[in-house]
Amino acid sequence: MLQNLLHNAIKYTAPRDPAIITISGHEDANSTTYIVADNGVGFEMKYVDKLFGVFQRLHRAEEFEGTGIGLALAKRILDRHGGSISAEGKVGAGASLTFTLPRPKDLKKRSS
């Protein structure tokens, strides 16, 4: 799942010089959140719901390789583990994908 997010960040920052990709995160008592952000080509927020659909592409296949299943797979993996994913973007200014996973119950007890 993380590999899909990183692959997308690399792919969509390829035209940039310099390409900048950041990975950050934080945790609280109930969940761990990670953010993969880049300064790539970005996307229009009005299409954000299409990002996580199977075979949904926001860029032409001639511009960027791919099948349109990477983010759909990432969402499915997160759904199966009780997590969630969201995205923000702006054309020409990059994108940010944020995913959250619940902390295991035994870790919650130890950190309390």
C-alpha atoms as a PDB file:
ATOM      1  CA  MET A   1       0.000   0.000   0.000  1.00  0.00           C
ATOM      2  CA  LEU A   2       2.730   2.445   0.948  1.00  0.00           C
ATOM      3  CA  GLN A   3       4.700   1.365  -2.110  1.00  0.00           C
ATOM      4  CA  ASN A   4       1.741   2.387  -4.321  1.00  0.00           C
ATOM      5  CA  LEU A   5       1.620   5.837  -2.721  1.00  0.00           C
ATOM      6  CA  LEU A   6       5.370   6.337  -3.109  1.00  0.00           C
ATOM      7  CA  HIS A   7       5.302   5.085  -6.710  1.00  0.00           C
ATOM      8  CA  ASN A   8       2.583   7.632  -7.517  1.00  0.00           C
ATOM      9  CA  ALA A   9       4.534  10.437  -5.872  1.00  0.00           C
ATOM     10  CA  ILE A  10       7.642   9.535  -7.871  1.00  0.00           C
ATOM     11  CA  LYS A  11       5.682   9.201 -11.111  1.00  0.00           C
ATOM     12  CA  TYR A  12       3.846  12.526 -10.801  1.00  0.00           C
ATOM     13  CA  THR A  13       6.902  14.506  -9.689  1.00  0.00           C
ATOM     14  CA  ALA A  14       9.071  13.248 -12.582  1.00  0.00           C
ATOM     15  CA  PRO A  15       8.497  16.445 -14.621  1.00  0.00           C
ATOM     16  CA  ARG A  16       9.578  18.654 -11.685  1.00  0.00           C
ATOM     17  CA  ASP A  17      13.054  20.010 -11.037  1.00  0.00           C
ATOM     18  CA  PRO A  18      13.563  19.603  -8.190  1.00  0.00           C
ATOM     19  CA  ALA A  19      11.086  16.854  -7.383  1.00  0.00           C
ATOM     20  CA  ILE A  20      10.178  16.982  -3.704  1.00  0.00           C
ATOM     21  CA  ILE A  21       8.462  14.122  -1.858  1.00  0.00           C
ATOM     22  CA  THR A  22       7.927  14.161   1.885  1.00  0.00           C
ATOM     23  CA  ILE A  23       6.696  11.454   4.215  1.00  0.00           C
ATOM     24  CA  SER A  24       5.530  12.439   7.659  1.00  0.00           C
ATOM     25  CA  GLY A  25       3.311  11.063  10.359  1.00  0.00           C
ATOM     26  CA  HIS A  26       1.981  11.268  13.846  1.00  0.00           C
ATOM     27  CA  GLU A  27       0.137   9.059  16.287  1.00  0.00           C
ATOM     28  CA  ASP A  28      -2.318   9.420  19.079  1.00  0.00           C
ATOM     29  CA  ALA A  29      -3.809   6.935  21.528  1.00  0.00           C
ATOM     30  CA  ASN A  30      -6.105   5.401  18.893  1.00  0.00           C
ATOM     31  CA  SER A  31      -4.453   5.737  15.490  1.00  0.00           C
ATOM     32  CA  THR A  32      -1.353   6.370  13.430  1.00  0.00           C
ATOM     33  CA  THR A  33      -1.503   8.786  10.504  1.00  0.00           C
ATOM     34  CA  TYR A  34       0.948   9.091   7.623  1.00  0.00           C
ATOM     35  CA  ILE A  35       1.146  11.728   4.890  1.00  0.00           C
ATOM     36  CA  VAL A  36       2.864  11.322   1.531  1.00  0.00           C
ATOM     37  CA  ALA A  37       3.105  14.726  -0.145  1.00  0.00           C
ATOM     38  CA  ASP A  38       4.748  15.894  -3.334  1.00  0.00           C
ATOM     39  CA  ASN A  39       5.196  18.913  -5.569  1.00  0.00           C
ATOM     40  CA  GLY A  40       4.097  17.014  -8.685  1.00  0.00           C
ATOM     41  CA  VAL A  41       1.503  17.797 -11.308  1.00  0.00           C
ATOM     42  CA  GLY A  42      -1.381  17.593  -8.813  1.00  0.00           C
ATOM     43  CA  PHE A  43      -5.052  17.200  -9.678  1.00  0.00           C
ATOM     44  CA  GLU A  44      -8.369  19.068  -9.567  1.00  0.00           C
ATOM     45  CA  MET A  45     -10.137  18.567  -6.241  1.00  0.00           C
ATOM     46  CA  LYS A  46     -13.499  18.247  -7.995  1.00  0.00           C
ATOM     47  CA  TYR A  47     -12.271  14.798  -9.154  1.00  0.00           C
ATOM     48  CA  VAL A  48     -10.945  13.609  -5.785  1.00  0.00           C
ATOM     49  CA  ASP A  49     -13.664  10.935  -5.470  1.00  0.00           C
ATOM     50  CA  LYS A  50     -12.439   9.313  -8.699  1.00  0.00           C
ATOM     51  CA  LEU A  51      -8.922   8.796  -7.317  1.00  0.00           C
ATOM     52  CA  PHE A  52      -9.802   5.673  -5.373  1.00  0.00           C
ATOM     53  CA  GLY A  53     -11.969   4.001  -8.023  1.00  0.00           C
ATOM     54  CA  VAL A  54     -10.712   1.048 -10.070  1.00  0.00           C
ATOM     55  CA  PHE A  55      -9.416   2.105 -13.502  1.00  0.00           C
ATOM     56  CA  GLN A  56     -10.141   5.766 -12.758  1.00  0.00           C
ATOM     57  CA  ARG A  57      -7.403   8.025 -14.076  1.00  0.00           C
ATOM     58  CA  LEU A  58      -7.157  11.785 -13.779  1.00  0.00           C
ATOM     59  CA  HIS A  59      -4.339  12.091 -16.327  1.00  0.00           C
ATOM     60  CA  ARG A  60      -4.111  10.705 -19.841  1.00  0.00           C
ATOM     61  CA  ALA A  61      -2.327   7.365 -20.249  1.00  0.00           C
ATOM     62  CA  GLU A  62       0.028   9.037 -22.738  1.00  0.00           C
ATOM     63  CA  GLU A  63       1.201  11.440 -20.029  1.00  0.00           C
ATOM     64  CA  PHE A  64       1.775   8.963 -17.188  1.00  0.00           C
ATOM     65  CA  GLU A  65       2.030   5.174 -17.188  1.00  0.00           C
ATOM     66  CA  GLY A  66      -0.208   3.065 -15.008  1.00  0.00           C
ATOM     67  CA  THR A  67      -3.394   1.045 -14.921  1.00  0.00           C
ATOM     68  CA  GLY A  68      -5.520   3.118 -12.559  1.00  0.00           C
ATOM     69  CA  ILE A  69      -5.671   0.478  -9.820  1.00  0.00           C
ATOM     70  CA  GLY A  70      -2.908   1.557  -7.422  1.00  0.00           C
ATOM     71  CA  LEU A  71      -4.937   3.927  -5.251  1.00  0.00           C
ATOM     72  CA  ALA A  72      -7.985   1.651  -5.406  1.00  0.00           C
ATOM     73  CA  LEU A  73      -5.816  -1.167  -4.024  1.00  0.00           C
ATOM     74  CA  ALA A  74      -4.396   1.112  -1.341  1.00  0.00           C
ATOM     75  CA  LYS A  75      -7.913   2.082  -0.244  1.00  0.00           C
ATOM     76  CA  ARG A  76      -9.042  -1.542  -0.166  1.00  0.00           C
ATOM     77  CA  ILE A  77      -6.055  -2.556   1.966  1.00  0.00           C
ATOM     78  CA  LEU A  78      -6.736   0.273   4.396  1.00  0.00           C
ATOM     79  CA  ASP A  79     -10.465  -0.540   4.510  1.00  0.00           C
ATOM     80  CA  ARG A  80      -9.667  -4.161   5.405  1.00  0.00           C
ATOM     81  CA  HIS A  81      -7.473  -2.996   8.289  1.00  0.00           C
ATOM     82  CA  GLY A  82      -9.985  -0.481   9.626  1.00  0.00           C
ATOM     83  CA  GLY A  83      -8.117   2.505   8.199  1.00  0.00           C
ATOM     84  CA  SER A  84      -8.938   5.335   5.856  1.00  0.00           C
ATOM     85  CA  ILE A  85      -7.307   7.400   3.123  1.00  0.00           C
ATOM     86  CA  SER A  86      -7.912  10.868   1.736  1.00  0.00           C
ATOM     87  CA  ALA A  87      -6.264  13.106  -0.829  1.00  0.00           C
ATOM     88  CA  GLU A  88      -5.769  16.793  -1.494  1.00  0.00           C
ATOM     89  CA  GLY A  89      -4.291  18.311  -4.588  1.00  0.00           C
ATOM     90  CA  LYS A  90      -3.957  21.360  -6.745  1.00  0.00           C
ATOM     91  CA  VAL A  91      -3.094  21.334 -10.430  1.00  0.00           C
ATOM     92  CA  GLY A  92       0.556  22.303 -10.839  1.00  0.00           C
ATOM     93  CA  ALA A  93       1.171  22.375  -7.091  1.00  0.00           C
ATOM     94  CA  GLY A  94       1.262  18.720  -6.081  1.00  0.00           C
ATOM     95  CA  ALA A  95      -0.756  16.302  -4.037  1.00  0.00           C
ATOM     96  CA  SER A  96      -0.950  14.985  -0.512  1.00  0.00           C
ATOM     97  CA  LEU A  97      -2.326  11.576   0.441  1.00  0.00           C
ATOM     98  CA  THR A  98      -3.126  10.969   4.083  1.00  0.00           C
ATOM     99  CA  PHE A  99      -3.851   7.549   5.501  1.00  0.00           C
ATOM    100  CA  THR A 100      -4.750   6.505   9.001  1.00  0.00           C
ATOM    101  CA  LEU A 101      -4.606   3.094  10.660  1.00  0.00           C
ATOM    102  CA  PRO A 102      -6.029   2.198  14.055  1.00  0.00           C
ATOM    103  CA  ARG A 103      -3.443   1.302  16.669  1.00  0.00           C
ATOM    104  CA  PRO A 104      -3.503  -2.318  17.831  1.00  0.00           C
ATOM    105  CA  LYS A 105      -5.358  -2.781  21.117  1.00  0.00           C
ATOM    106  CA  ASP A 106      -2.293  -4.107  22.942  1.00  0.00           C
ATOM    107  CA  LEU A 107      -0.298  -0.980  22.015  1.00  0.00           C
ATOM    108  CA  LYS A 108      -3.119   1.261  23.276  1.00  0.00           C
ATOM    109  CA  LYS A 109      -2.946  -0.421  26.704  1.00  0.00           C
ATOM    110  CA  ARG A 110       0.850  -0.032  26.961  1.00  0.00           C
ATOM    111  CA  SER A 111       0.833   3.650  26.020  1.00  0.00           C
ATOM    112  CA  SER A 112      -1.888   4.603  28.510  1.00  0.00           C
END
